[in-house]
Amino acid sequence: QVQLVESGGGLVQPGGSLRLSCVVSGIIFRDYAMTWYRQAPGKQRELVARITSDGSRNYVDSLEGRFTISRDNGKNTLYLQMNTLQPEDTAVYYCNVNSRHLSIYWGQGTQVTVSS
């Protein structure tokens, strides 16, 4: 059974930073590309960033430079460092396995709220 457990969200002021974590179990983590998604209230879930098994990274254009995706294969953990946060970054953030067969699994997400 694939499990994804996100954490690290919270309330932060505009301009602040957060680091999200996602602990993955049930797969050989190092073999898979991983992604972060987010879903803002009333909006569809959208892709934020992707990291391949060998560490290559891709971002949504509007977020590149503020967000950094990384992974620790020894800890089966995916990270998302988020800097200079803005109110429009408010959303529930989810990690996901970038695989056709495994992408059906989702964690509970972690809430990020950017507000003064």
PDB file of N, CA and C in Angstrom:
ATOM      1  N   GLN A   1       0.846  -1.181   0.000  1.00  0.00           N
ATOM      2  CA  GLN A   1       0.000   0.000   0.000  1.00  0.00           C
ATOM      3  C   GLN A   1       0.890   1.243   0.000  1.00  0.00           C
ATOM      4  N   VAL A   2       0.635   2.109  -0.959  1.00  0.00           N
ATOM      5  CA  VAL A   2       1.391   3.356  -1.044  1.00  0.00           C
ATOM      6  C   VAL A   2       0.802   4.364  -0.062  1.00  0.00           C
ATOM      7  N   GLN A   3       1.665   4.976   0.714  1.00  0.00           N
ATOM      8  CA  GLN A   3       1.227   6.032   1.623  1.00  0.00           C
ATOM      9  C   GLN A   3       2.089   7.269   1.437  1.00  0.00           C
ATOM     10  N   LEU A   4       1.441   8.414   1.458  1.00  0.00           N
ATOM     11  CA  LEU A   4       2.121   9.699   1.356  1.00  0.00           C
ATOM     12  C   LEU A   4       1.623  10.572   2.508  1.00  0.00           C
ATOM     13  N   VAL A   5       2.538  11.063   3.302  1.00  0.00           N
ATOM     14  CA  VAL A   5       2.175  11.863   4.469  1.00  0.00           C
ATOM     15  C   VAL A   5       2.872  13.211   4.377  1.00  0.00           C
ATOM     16  N   GLU A   6       2.076  14.238   4.115  1.00  0.00           N
ATOM     17  CA  GLU A   6       2.602  15.594   4.000  1.00  0.00           C
ATOM     18  C   GLU A   6       2.579  16.300   5.353  1.00  0.00           C
ATOM     19  N   SER A   7       3.519  17.205   5.543  1.00  0.00           N
ATOM     20  CA  SER A   7       3.564  18.000   6.766  1.00  0.00           C
ATOM     21  C   SER A   7       4.337  19.284   6.499  1.00  0.00           C
ATOM     22  N   GLY A   8       4.302  20.190   7.469  1.00  0.00           N
ATOM     23  CA  GLY A   8       5.090  21.403   7.376  1.00  0.00           C
ATOM     24  C   GLY A   8       4.313  22.652   7.023  1.00  0.00           C
ATOM     25  N   GLY A   9       3.034  22.520   6.736  1.00  0.00           N
ATOM     26  CA  GLY A   9       2.232  23.693   6.427  1.00  0.00           C
ATOM     27  C   GLY A   9       1.936  24.514   7.662  1.00  0.00           C
ATOM     28  N   GLY A  10       1.271  25.634   7.450  1.00  0.00           N
ATOM     29  CA  GLY A  10       0.914  26.496   8.565  1.00  0.00           C
ATOM     30  C   GLY A  10       0.525  27.863   8.093  1.00  0.00           C
ATOM     31  N   LEU A  11       0.409  28.777   9.056  1.00  0.00           N
ATOM     32  CA  LEU A  11       0.085  30.165   8.774  1.00  0.00           C
ATOM     33  C   LEU A  11       1.375  30.972   8.734  1.00  0.00           C
ATOM     34  N   VAL A  12       1.559  31.727   7.678  1.00  0.00           N
ATOM     35  CA  VAL A  12       2.767  32.526   7.522  1.00  0.00           C
ATOM     36  C   VAL A  12       2.396  33.878   6.931  1.00  0.00           C
ATOM     37  N   GLN A  13       3.152  34.894   7.298  1.00  0.00           N
ATOM     38  CA  GLN A  13       2.900  36.227   6.759  1.00  0.00           C
ATOM     39  C   GLN A  13       3.451  36.350   5.343  1.00  0.00           C
ATOM     40  N   PRO A  14       2.889  37.241   4.536  1.00  0.00           N
ATOM     41  CA  PRO A  14       3.453  37.473   3.198  1.00  0.00           C
ATOM     42  C   PRO A  14       4.943  37.779   3.282  1.00  0.00           C
ATOM     43  N   GLY A  15       5.699  37.161   2.383  1.00  0.00           N
ATOM     44  CA  GLY A  15       7.141  37.305   2.386  1.00  0.00           C
ATOM     45  C   GLY A  15       7.868  36.249   3.176  1.00  0.00           C
ATOM     46  N   GLY A  16       7.109  35.447   3.920  1.00  0.00           N
ATOM     47  CA  GLY A  16       7.707  34.412   4.744  1.00  0.00           C
ATOM     48  C   GLY A  16       8.041  33.153   3.977  1.00  0.00           C
ATOM     49  N   SER A  17       8.548  32.162   4.709  1.00  0.00           N
ATOM     50  CA  SER A  17       8.973  30.895   4.107  1.00  0.00           C
ATOM     51  C   SER A  17       8.416  29.711   4.885  1.00  0.00           C
ATOM     52  N   LEU A  18       8.285  28.612   4.172  1.00  0.00           N
ATOM     53  CA  LEU A  18       7.913  27.337   4.774  1.00  0.00           C
ATOM     54  C   LEU A  18       8.636  26.232   4.023  1.00  0.00           C
ATOM     55  N   ARG A  19       8.889  25.122   4.716  1.00  0.00           N
ATOM     56  CA  ARG A  19       9.392  23.929   4.049  1.00  0.00           C
ATOM     57  C   ARG A  19       8.427  22.788   4.307  1.00  0.00           C
ATOM     58  N   LEU A  20       7.890  22.263   3.233  1.00  0.00           N
ATOM     59  CA  LEU A  20       6.980  21.137   3.317  1.00  0.00           C
ATOM     60  C   LEU A  20       7.758  19.835   3.161  1.00  0.00           C
ATOM     61  N   SER A  21       7.249  18.792   3.816  1.00  0.00           N
ATOM     62  CA  SER A  21       7.844  17.458   3.699  1.00  0.00           C
ATOM     63  C   SER A  21       6.767  16.460   3.308  1.00  0.00           C
ATOM     64  N   CYS A  22       7.193  15.402   2.650  1.00  0.00           N
ATOM     65  CA  CYS A  22       6.280  14.317   2.291  1.00  0.00           C
ATOM     66  C   CYS A  22       7.038  13.008   2.470  1.00  0.00           C
ATOM     67  N   VAL A  23       6.619  12.229   3.428  1.00  0.00           N
ATOM     68  CA  VAL A  23       7.230  10.928   3.658  1.00  0.00           C
ATOM     69  C   VAL A  23       6.434   9.877   2.888  1.00  0.00           C
ATOM     70  N   VAL A  24       7.151   9.100   2.104  1.00  0.00           N
ATOM     71  CA  VAL A  24       6.517   8.127   1.211  1.00  0.00           C
ATOM     72  C   VAL A  24       6.881   6.712   1.633  1.00  0.00           C
ATOM     73  N   SER A  25       5.905   5.828   1.632  1.00  0.00           N
ATOM     74  CA  SER A  25       6.156   4.422   1.924  1.00  0.00           C
ATOM     75  C   SER A  25       5.380   3.556   0.941  1.00  0.00           C
ATOM     76  N   GLY A  26       5.814   2.303   0.820  1.00  0.00           N
ATOM     77  CA  GLY A  26       5.121   1.365  -0.051  1.00  0.00           C
ATOM     78  C   GLY A  26       5.666   1.274  -1.455  1.00  0.00           C
ATOM     79  N   ILE A  27       6.680   2.079  -1.774  1.00  0.00           N
ATOM     80  CA  ILE A  27       7.330   2.037  -3.088  1.00  0.00           C
ATOM     81  C   ILE A  27       8.833   2.137  -2.891  1.00  0.00           C
ATOM     82  N   ILE A  28       9.586   1.807  -3.930  1.00  0.00           N
ATOM     83  CA  ILE A  28      11.028   2.073  -3.915  1.00  0.00           C
ATOM     84  C   ILE A  28      11.191   3.523  -4.335  1.00  0.00           C
ATOM     85  N   PHE A  29      11.215   4.379  -3.339  1.00  0.00           N
ATOM     86  CA  PHE A  29      11.107   5.824  -3.544  1.00  0.00           C
ATOM     87  C   PHE A  29      12.118   6.337  -4.563  1.00  0.00           C
ATOM     88  N   ARG A  30      13.352   5.869  -4.481  1.00  0.00           N
ATOM     89  CA  ARG A  30      14.408   6.419  -5.317  1.00  0.00           C
ATOM     90  C   ARG A  30      14.177   6.154  -6.807  1.00  0.00           C
ATOM     91  N   ASP A  31      13.288   5.227  -7.132  1.00  0.00           N
ATOM     92  CA  ASP A  31      13.059   4.847  -8.523  1.00  0.00           C
ATOM     93  C   ASP A  31      12.057   5.742  -9.240  1.00  0.00           C
ATOM     94  N   TYR A  32      11.369   6.611  -8.495  1.00  0.00           N
ATOM     95  CA  TYR A  32      10.251   7.337  -9.076  1.00  0.00           C
ATOM     96  C   TYR A  32      10.452   8.850  -9.070  1.00  0.00           C
ATOM     97  N   ALA A  33       9.969   9.472 -10.149  1.00  0.00           N
ATOM     98  CA  ALA A  33       9.804  10.910 -10.124  1.00  0.00           C
ATOM     99  C   ALA A  33       8.663  11.250  -9.173  1.00  0.00           C
ATOM    100  N   MET A  34       8.756  12.419  -8.580  1.00  0.00           N
ATOM    101  CA  MET A  34       7.754  12.857  -7.609  1.00  0.00           C
ATOM    102  C   MET A  34       7.311  14.276  -7.945  1.00  0.00           C
ATOM    103  N   THR A  35       6.102  14.595  -7.545  1.00  0.00           N
ATOM    104  CA  THR A  35       5.559  15.916  -7.827  1.00  0.00           C
ATOM    105  C   THR A  35       4.891  16.516  -6.587  1.00  0.00           C
ATOM    106  N   TRP A  36       4.824  17.840  -6.584  1.00  0.00           N
ATOM    107  CA  TRP A  36       4.000  18.575  -5.641  1.00  0.00           C
ATOM    108  C   TRP A  36       2.866  19.221  -6.423  1.00  0.00           C
ATOM    109  N   TYR A  37       1.682  19.142  -5.854  1.00  0.00           N
ATOM    110  CA  TYR A  37       0.509  19.819  -6.376  1.00  0.00           C
ATOM    111  C   TYR A  37      -0.045  20.722  -5.277  1.00  0.00           C
ATOM    112  N   ARG A  38      -0.912  21.626  -5.680  1.00  0.00           N
ATOM    113  CA  ARG A  38      -1.641  22.410  -4.691  1.00  0.00           C
ATOM    114  C   ARG A  38      -3.060  22.660  -5.179  1.00  0.00           C
ATOM    115  N   GLN A  39      -3.953  22.873  -4.213  1.00  0.00           N
ATOM    116  CA  GLN A  39      -5.339  23.163  -4.543  1.00  0.00           C
ATOM    117  C   GLN A  39      -5.826  24.306  -3.661  1.00  0.00           C
ATOM    118  N   ALA A  40      -6.103  25.413  -4.302  1.00  0.00           N
ATOM    119  CA  ALA A  40      -6.626  26.573  -3.593  1.00  0.00           C
ATOM    120  C   ALA A  40      -8.140  26.456  -3.489  1.00  0.00           C
ATOM    121  N   PRO A  41      -8.734  27.156  -2.533  1.00  0.00           N
ATOM    122  CA  PRO A  41     -10.190  27.083  -2.365  1.00  0.00           C
ATOM    123  C   PRO A  41     -10.921  27.439  -3.646  1.00  0.00           C
ATOM    124  N   GLY A  42     -11.844  26.579  -4.061  1.00  0.00           N
ATOM    125  CA  GLY A  42     -12.650  26.846  -5.236  1.00  0.00           C
ATOM    126  C   GLY A  42     -11.947  26.641  -6.563  1.00  0.00           C
ATOM    127  N   LYS A  43     -10.720  26.125  -6.531  1.00  0.00           N
ATOM    128  CA  LYS A  43      -9.953  25.945  -7.764  1.00  0.00           C
ATOM    129  C   LYS A  43      -9.570  24.478  -7.937  1.00  0.00           C
ATOM    130  N   GLN A  44      -9.155  24.156  -9.148  1.00  0.00           N
ATOM    131  CA  GLN A  44      -8.699  22.807  -9.425  1.00  0.00           C
ATOM    132  C   GLN A  44      -7.277  22.609  -8.895  1.00  0.00           C
ATOM    133  N   ARG A  45      -6.963  21.352  -8.629  1.00  0.00           N
ATOM    134  CA  ARG A  45      -5.611  21.021  -8.213  1.00  0.00           C
ATOM    135  C   ARG A  45      -4.650  21.314  -9.360  1.00  0.00           C
ATOM    136  N   GLU A  46      -3.508  21.922  -9.039  1.00  0.00           N
ATOM    137  CA  GLU A  46      -2.554  22.285 -10.080  1.00  0.00           C
ATOM    138  C   GLU A  46      -1.154  21.807  -9.719  1.00  0.00           C
ATOM    139  N   LEU A  47      -0.400  21.498 -10.748  1.00  0.00           N
ATOM    140  CA  LEU A  47       0.983  21.063 -10.571  1.00  0.00           C
ATOM    141  C   LEU A  47       1.850  22.232 -10.127  1.00  0.00           C
ATOM    142  N   VAL A  48       2.727  21.976  -9.177  1.00  0.00           N
ATOM    143  CA  VAL A  48       3.653  22.994  -8.682  1.00  0.00           C
ATOM    144  C   VAL A  48       5.070  22.711  -9.176  1.00  0.00           C
ATOM    145  N   ALA A  49       5.547  21.493  -8.947  1.00  0.00           N
ATOM    146  CA  ALA A  49       6.927  21.151  -9.289  1.00  0.00           C
ATOM    147  C   ALA A  49       7.068  19.648  -9.413  1.00  0.00           C
ATOM    148  N   ARG A  50       8.135  19.257 -10.116  1.00  0.00           N
ATOM    149  CA  ARG A  50       8.416  17.844 -10.334  1.00  0.00           C
ATOM    150  C   ARG A  50       9.907  17.610 -10.202  1.00  0.00           C
ATOM    151  N   ILE A  51      10.268  16.468  -9.638  1.00  0.00           N
ATOM    152  CA  ILE A  51      11.671  16.081  -9.553  1.00  0.00           C
ATOM    153  C   ILE A  51      11.790  14.627 -10.000  1.00  0.00           C
ATOM    154  N   THR A  52      12.750  14.372 -10.896  1.00  0.00           N
ATOM    155  CA  THR A  52      12.920  13.014 -11.405  1.00  0.00           C
ATOM    156  C   THR A  52      13.713  12.170 -10.421  1.00  0.00           C
ATOM    157  N   SER A  53      13.847  10.899 -10.747  1.00  0.00           N
ATOM    158  CA  SER A  53      14.581   9.994  -9.869  1.00  0.00           C
ATOM    159  C   SER A  53      16.054  10.376  -9.783  1.00  0.00           C
ATOM    160  N   ASP A  54      16.574  11.022 -10.818  1.00  0.00           N
ATOM    161  CA  ASP A  54      17.984  11.416 -10.786  1.00  0.00           C
ATOM    162  C   ASP A  54      18.166  12.878 -10.377  1.00  0.00           C
ATOM    163  N   GLY A  55      17.078  13.527  -9.935  1.00  0.00           N
ATOM    164  CA  GLY A  55      17.203  14.857  -9.354  1.00  0.00           C
ATOM    165  C   GLY A  55      16.942  16.031 -10.275  1.00  0.00           C
ATOM    166  N   SER A  56      16.580  15.783 -11.526  1.00  0.00           N
ATOM    167  CA  SER A  56      16.241  16.898 -12.409  1.00  0.00           C
ATOM    168  C   SER A  56      14.917  17.514 -11.976  1.00  0.00           C
ATOM    169  N   ARG A  57      14.855  18.851 -12.061  1.00  0.00           N
ATOM    170  CA  ARG A  57      13.704  19.559 -11.506  1.00  0.00           C
ATOM    171  C   ARG A  57      12.992  20.403 -12.552  1.00  0.00           C
ATOM    172  N   ASN A  58      11.682  20.472 -12.432  1.00  0.00           N
ATOM    173  CA  ASN A  58      10.862  21.341 -13.268  1.00  0.00           C
ATOM    174  C   ASN A  58       9.847  22.045 -12.396  1.00  0.00           C
ATOM    175  N   TYR A  59       9.528  23.282 -12.784  1.00  0.00           N
ATOM    176  CA  TYR A  59       8.583  24.077 -12.014  1.00  0.00           C
ATOM    177  C   TYR A  59       7.566  24.720 -12.929  1.00  0.00           C
ATOM    178  N   VAL A  60       6.413  25.030 -12.357  1.00  0.00           N
ATOM    179  CA  VAL A  60       5.501  25.931 -13.030  1.00  0.00           C
ATOM    180  C   VAL A  60       6.224  27.257 -13.189  1.00  0.00           C
ATOM    181  N   ASP A  61       6.132  27.858 -14.371  1.00  0.00           N
ATOM    182  CA  ASP A  61       6.921  29.059 -14.666  1.00  0.00           C
ATOM    183  C   ASP A  61       6.757  30.142 -13.606  1.00  0.00           C
ATOM    184  N   SER A  62       5.540  30.324 -13.146  1.00  0.00           N
ATOM    185  CA  SER A  62       5.266  31.440 -12.230  1.00  0.00           C
ATOM    186  C   SER A  62       5.887  31.225 -10.854  1.00  0.00           C
ATOM    187  N   LEU A  63       6.313  30.001 -10.546  1.00  0.00           N
ATOM    188  CA  LEU A  63       6.832  29.700  -9.215  1.00  0.00           C
ATOM    189  C   LEU A  63       8.344  29.517  -9.194  1.00  0.00           C
ATOM    190  N   GLU A  64       8.920  29.324 -10.365  1.00  0.00           N
ATOM    191  CA  GLU A  64      10.369  29.106 -10.400  1.00  0.00           C
ATOM    192  C   GLU A  64      11.099  30.311  -9.840  1.00  0.00           C
ATOM    193  N   GLY A  65      12.055  30.035  -8.975  1.00  0.00           N
ATOM    194  CA  GLY A  65      12.792  31.103  -8.321  1.00  0.00           C
ATOM    195  C   GLY A  65      12.336  31.322  -6.892  1.00  0.00           C
ATOM    196  N   ARG A  66      11.097  30.973  -6.596  1.00  0.00           N
ATOM    197  CA  ARG A  66      10.602  31.090  -5.215  1.00  0.00           C
ATOM    198  C   ARG A  66      10.486  29.729  -4.530  1.00  0.00           C
ATOM    199  N   PHE A  67      10.178  28.708  -5.312  1.00  0.00           N
ATOM    200  CA  PHE A  67       9.990  27.359  -4.760  1.00  0.00           C
ATOM    201  C   PHE A  67      11.132  26.454  -5.213  1.00  0.00           C
ATOM    202  N   THR A  68      11.538  25.555  -4.332  1.00  0.00           N
ATOM    203  CA  THR A  68      12.576  24.576  -4.663  1.00  0.00           C
ATOM    204  C   THR A  68      12.129  23.191  -4.214  1.00  0.00           C
ATOM    205  N   ILE A  69      12.099  22.273  -5.148  1.00  0.00           N
ATOM    206  CA  ILE A  69      11.760  20.884  -4.835  1.00  0.00           C
ATOM    207  C   ILE A  69      13.050  20.095  -4.659  1.00  0.00           C
ATOM    208  N   SER A  70      13.044  19.192  -3.703  1.00  0.00           N
ATOM    209  CA  SER A  70      14.217  18.351  -3.471  1.00  0.00           C
ATOM    210  C   SER A  70      13.766  17.026  -2.871  1.00  0.00           C
ATOM    211  N   ARG A  71      14.701  16.099  -2.774  1.00  0.00           N
ATOM    212  CA  ARG A  71      14.372  14.783  -2.237  1.00  0.00           C
ATOM    213  C   ARG A  71      15.557  14.218  -1.472  1.00  0.00           C
ATOM    214  N   ASP A  72      15.240  13.374  -0.496  1.00  0.00           N
ATOM    215  CA  ASP A  72      16.246  12.619   0.247  1.00  0.00           C
ATOM    216  C   ASP A  72      15.863  11.158   0.122  1.00  0.00           C
ATOM    217  N   ASN A  73      16.525  10.458  -0.782  1.00  0.00           N
ATOM    218  CA  ASN A  73      16.160   9.068  -1.041  1.00  0.00           C
ATOM    219  C   ASN A  73      16.448   8.164   0.160  1.00  0.00           C
ATOM    220  N   GLY A  74      17.401   8.546   0.970  1.00  0.00           N
ATOM    221  CA  GLY A  74      17.700   7.753   2.163  1.00  0.00           C
ATOM    222  C   GLY A  74      16.601   7.811   3.204  1.00  0.00           C
ATOM    223  N   LYS A  75      15.825   8.896   3.146  1.00  0.00           N
ATOM    224  CA  LYS A  75      14.728   9.078   4.110  1.00  0.00           C
ATOM    225  C   LYS A  75      13.357   8.916   3.462  1.00  0.00           C
ATOM    226  N   ASN A  76      13.330   8.524   2.183  1.00  0.00           N
ATOM    227  CA  ASN A  76      12.056   8.397   1.459  1.00  0.00           C
ATOM    228  C   ASN A  76      11.204   9.655   1.602  1.00  0.00           C
ATOM    229  N   THR A  77      11.838  10.798   1.493  1.00  0.00           N
ATOM    230  CA  THR A  77      11.158  12.060   1.767  1.00  0.00           C
ATOM    231  C   THR A  77      11.353  13.050   0.625  1.00  0.00           C
ATOM    232  N   LEU A  78      10.261  13.699   0.293  1.00  0.00           N
ATOM    233  CA  LEU A  78      10.224  14.765  -0.707  1.00  0.00           C
ATOM    234  C   LEU A  78      10.025  16.085   0.022  1.00  0.00           C
ATOM    235  N   TYR A  79      10.666  17.133  -0.482  1.00  0.00           N
ATOM    236  CA  TYR A  79      10.571  18.447   0.156  1.00  0.00           C
ATOM    237  C   TYR A  79      10.124  19.500  -0.841  1.00  0.00           C
ATOM    238  N   LEU A  80       9.542  20.569  -0.281  1.00  0.00           N
ATOM    239  CA  LEU A  80       9.263  21.763  -1.080  1.00  0.00           C
ATOM    240  C   LEU A  80       9.593  22.975  -0.215  1.00  0.00           C
ATOM    241  N   GLN A  81      10.671  23.645  -0.564  1.00  0.00           N
ATOM    242  CA  GLN A  81      11.039  24.892   0.106  1.00  0.00           C
ATOM    243  C   GLN A  81      10.324  26.030  -0.596  1.00  0.00           C
ATOM    244  N   MET A  82       9.572  26.817   0.150  1.00  0.00           N
ATOM    245  CA  MET A  82       8.783  27.901  -0.417  1.00  0.00           C
ATOM    246  C   MET A  82       9.216  29.214   0.231  1.00  0.00           C
ATOM    247  N   ASN A  83       9.693  30.123  -0.590  1.00  0.00           N
ATOM    248  CA  ASN A  83      10.170  31.419  -0.109  1.00  0.00           C
ATOM    249  C   ASN A  83       9.312  32.540  -0.685  1.00  0.00           C
ATOM    250  N   THR A  84       9.395  33.692  -0.052  1.00  0.00           N
ATOM    251  CA  THR A  84       8.665  34.882  -0.486  1.00  0.00           C
ATOM    252  C   THR A  84       7.208  34.532  -0.766  1.00  0.00           C
ATOM    253  N   LEU A  85       6.588  33.906   0.190  1.00  0.00           N
ATOM    254  CA  LEU A  85       5.217  33.459   0.009  1.00  0.00           C
ATOM    255  C   LEU A  85       4.264  34.636  -0.121  1.00  0.00           C
ATOM    256  N   GLN A  86       3.241  34.440  -0.948  1.00  0.00           N
ATOM    257  CA  GLN A  86       2.236  35.455  -1.219  1.00  0.00           C
ATOM    258  C   GLN A  86       0.857  34.889  -0.902  1.00  0.00           C
ATOM    259  N   PRO A  87      -0.117  35.747  -0.677  1.00  0.00           N
ATOM    260  CA  PRO A  87      -1.471  35.248  -0.371  1.00  0.00           C
ATOM    261  C   PRO A  87      -2.007  34.275  -1.423  1.00  0.00           C
ATOM    262  N   GLU A  88      -1.624  34.462  -2.666  1.00  0.00           N
ATOM    263  CA  GLU A  88      -2.117  33.561  -3.716  1.00  0.00           C
ATOM    264  C   GLU A  88      -1.491  32.175  -3.643  1.00  0.00           C
ATOM    265  N   ASP A  89      -0.508  31.983  -2.774  1.00  0.00           N
ATOM    266  CA  ASP A  89       0.055  30.655  -2.549  1.00  0.00           C
ATOM    267  C   ASP A  89      -0.761  29.852  -1.542  1.00  0.00           C
ATOM    268  N   THR A  90      -1.759  30.479  -0.954  1.00  0.00           N
ATOM    269  CA  THR A  90      -2.619  29.782   0.000  1.00  0.00           C
ATOM    270  C   THR A  90      -3.327  28.625  -0.689  1.00  0.00           C
ATOM    271  N   ALA A  91      -3.151  27.437  -0.134  1.00  0.00           N
ATOM    272  CA  ALA A  91      -3.708  26.224  -0.744  1.00  0.00           C
ATOM    273  C   ALA A  91      -3.392  25.033   0.153  1.00  0.00           C
ATOM    274  N   VAL A  92      -4.004  23.913  -0.173  1.00  0.00           N
ATOM    275  CA  VAL A  92      -3.578  22.640   0.399  1.00  0.00           C
ATOM    276  C   VAL A  92      -2.559  22.043  -0.566  1.00  0.00           C
ATOM    277  N   TYR A  93      -1.418  21.645  -0.029  1.00  0.00           N
ATOM    278  CA  TYR A  93      -0.329  21.119  -0.848  1.00  0.00           C
ATOM    279  C   TYR A  93      -0.254  19.605  -0.686  1.00  0.00           C
ATOM    280  N   TYR A  94      -0.104  18.930  -1.834  1.00  0.00           N
ATOM    281  CA  TYR A  94      -0.073  17.471  -1.868  1.00  0.00           C
ATOM    282  C   TYR A  94       1.165  16.998  -2.618  1.00  0.00           C
ATOM    283  N   CYS A  95       1.710  15.867  -2.201  1.00  0.00           N
ATOM    284  CA  CYS A  95       2.736  15.222  -3.005  1.00  0.00           C
ATOM    285  C   CYS A  95       2.104  14.030  -3.730  1.00  0.00           C
ATOM    286  N   ASN A  96       2.771  13.599  -4.777  1.00  0.00           N
ATOM    287  CA  ASN A  96       2.209  12.539  -5.609  1.00  0.00           C
ATOM    288  C   ASN A  96       3.328  11.820  -6.330  1.00  0.00           C
ATOM    289  N   VAL A  97       3.150  10.536  -6.563  1.00  0.00           N
ATOM    290  CA  VAL A  97       4.123   9.770  -7.326  1.00  0.00           C
ATOM    291  C   VAL A  97       3.857  10.003  -8.809  1.00  0.00           C
ATOM    292  N   ASN A  98       4.872  10.391  -9.544  1.00  0.00           N
ATOM    293  CA  ASN A  98       4.718  10.699 -10.957  1.00  0.00           C
ATOM    294  C   ASN A  98       4.775   9.417 -11.786  1.00  0.00           C
ATOM    295  N   SER A  99       3.737   8.637 -11.643  1.00  0.00           N
ATOM    296  CA  SER A  99       3.632   7.347 -12.325  1.00  0.00           C
ATOM    297  C   SER A  99       2.166   7.113 -12.657  1.00  0.00           C
ATOM    298  N   ARG A 100       1.914   6.597 -13.875  1.00  0.00           N
ATOM    299  CA  ARG A 100       0.531   6.401 -14.288  1.00  0.00           C
ATOM    300  C   ARG A 100      -0.218   5.492 -13.324  1.00  0.00           C
ATOM    301  N   HIS A 101       0.465   4.477 -12.828  1.00  0.00           N
ATOM    302  CA  HIS A 101      -0.228   3.505 -11.977  1.00  0.00           C
ATOM    303  C   HIS A 101      -0.268   3.920 -10.513  1.00  0.00           C
ATOM    304  N   LEU A 102       0.667   4.731 -10.093  1.00  0.00           N
ATOM    305  CA  LEU A 102       0.753   5.089  -8.673  1.00  0.00           C
ATOM    306  C   LEU A 102       0.211   6.468  -8.367  1.00  0.00           C
ATOM    307  N   SER A 103      -0.106   7.236  -9.397  1.00  0.00           N
ATOM    308  CA  SER A 103      -0.585   8.603  -9.163  1.00  0.00           C
ATOM    309  C   SER A 103      -1.991   8.639  -8.583  1.00  0.00           C
ATOM    310  N   ILE A 104      -2.639   7.477  -8.470  1.00  0.00           N
ATOM    311  CA  ILE A 104      -3.971   7.448  -7.851  1.00  0.00           C
ATOM    312  C   ILE A 104      -3.907   7.653  -6.345  1.00  0.00           C
ATOM    313  N   TYR A 105      -2.717   7.502  -5.785  1.00  0.00           N
ATOM    314  CA  TYR A 105      -2.569   7.624  -4.335  1.00  0.00           C
ATOM    315  C   TYR A 105      -2.283   9.071  -3.960  1.00  0.00           C
ATOM    316  N   TRP A 106      -3.017   9.547  -2.969  1.00  0.00           N
ATOM    317  CA  TRP A 106      -2.839  10.904  -2.463  1.00  0.00           C
ATOM    318  C   TRP A 106      -2.804  10.875  -0.947  1.00  0.00           C
ATOM    319  N   GLY A 107      -2.056  11.779  -0.371  1.00  0.00           N
ATOM    320  CA  GLY A 107      -2.077  11.949   1.072  1.00  0.00           C
ATOM    321  C   GLY A 107      -3.193  12.892   1.482  1.00  0.00           C
ATOM    322  N   GLN A 108      -3.150  13.286   2.734  1.00  0.00           N
ATOM    323  CA  GLN A 108      -4.184  14.181   3.254  1.00  0.00           C
ATOM    324  C   GLN A 108      -3.883  15.637   2.925  1.00  0.00           C
ATOM    325  N   GLY A 109      -2.662  15.888   2.494  1.00  0.00           N
ATOM    326  CA  GLY A 109      -2.270  17.259   2.178  1.00  0.00           C
ATOM    327  C   GLY A 109      -1.875  18.031   3.423  1.00  0.00           C
ATOM    328  N   THR A 110      -1.253  19.174   3.190  1.00  0.00           N
ATOM    329  CA  THR A 110      -0.900  20.071   4.287  1.00  0.00           C
ATOM    330  C   THR A 110      -1.318  21.486   3.912  1.00  0.00           C
ATOM    331  N   GLN A 111      -2.001  22.152   4.824  1.00  0.00           N
ATOM    332  CA  GLN A 111      -2.567  23.476   4.547  1.00  0.00           C
ATOM    333  C   GLN A 111      -1.507  24.555   4.707  1.00  0.00           C
ATOM    334  N   VAL A 112      -1.394  25.384   3.696  1.00  0.00           N
ATOM    335  CA  VAL A 112      -0.540  26.571   3.748  1.00  0.00           C
ATOM    336  C   VAL A 112      -1.441  27.796   3.622  1.00  0.00           C
ATOM    337  N   THR A 113      -1.349  28.673   4.600  1.00  0.00           N
ATOM    338  CA  THR A 113      -2.133  29.903   4.592  1.00  0.00           C
ATOM    339  C   THR A 113      -1.182  31.079   4.712  1.00  0.00           C
ATOM    340  N   VAL A 114      -1.246  31.968   3.720  1.00  0.00           N
ATOM    341  CA  VAL A 114      -0.390  33.153   3.709  1.00  0.00           C
ATOM    342  C   VAL A 114      -1.279  34.371   3.938  1.00  0.00           C
ATOM    343  N   SER A 115      -1.108  34.972   5.089  1.00  0.00           N
ATOM    344  CA  SER A 115      -1.983  36.085   5.464  1.00  0.00           C
ATOM    345  C   SER A 115      -1.307  36.933   6.521  1.00  0.00           C
ATOM    346  N   SER A 116      -1.597  38.224   6.478  1.00  0.00           N
ATOM    347  CA  SER A 116      -1.087  39.126   7.513  1.00  0.00           C
ATOM    348  C   SER A 116      -2.099  39.264   8.633  1.00  0.00           C
TER     349      SER A 116
END
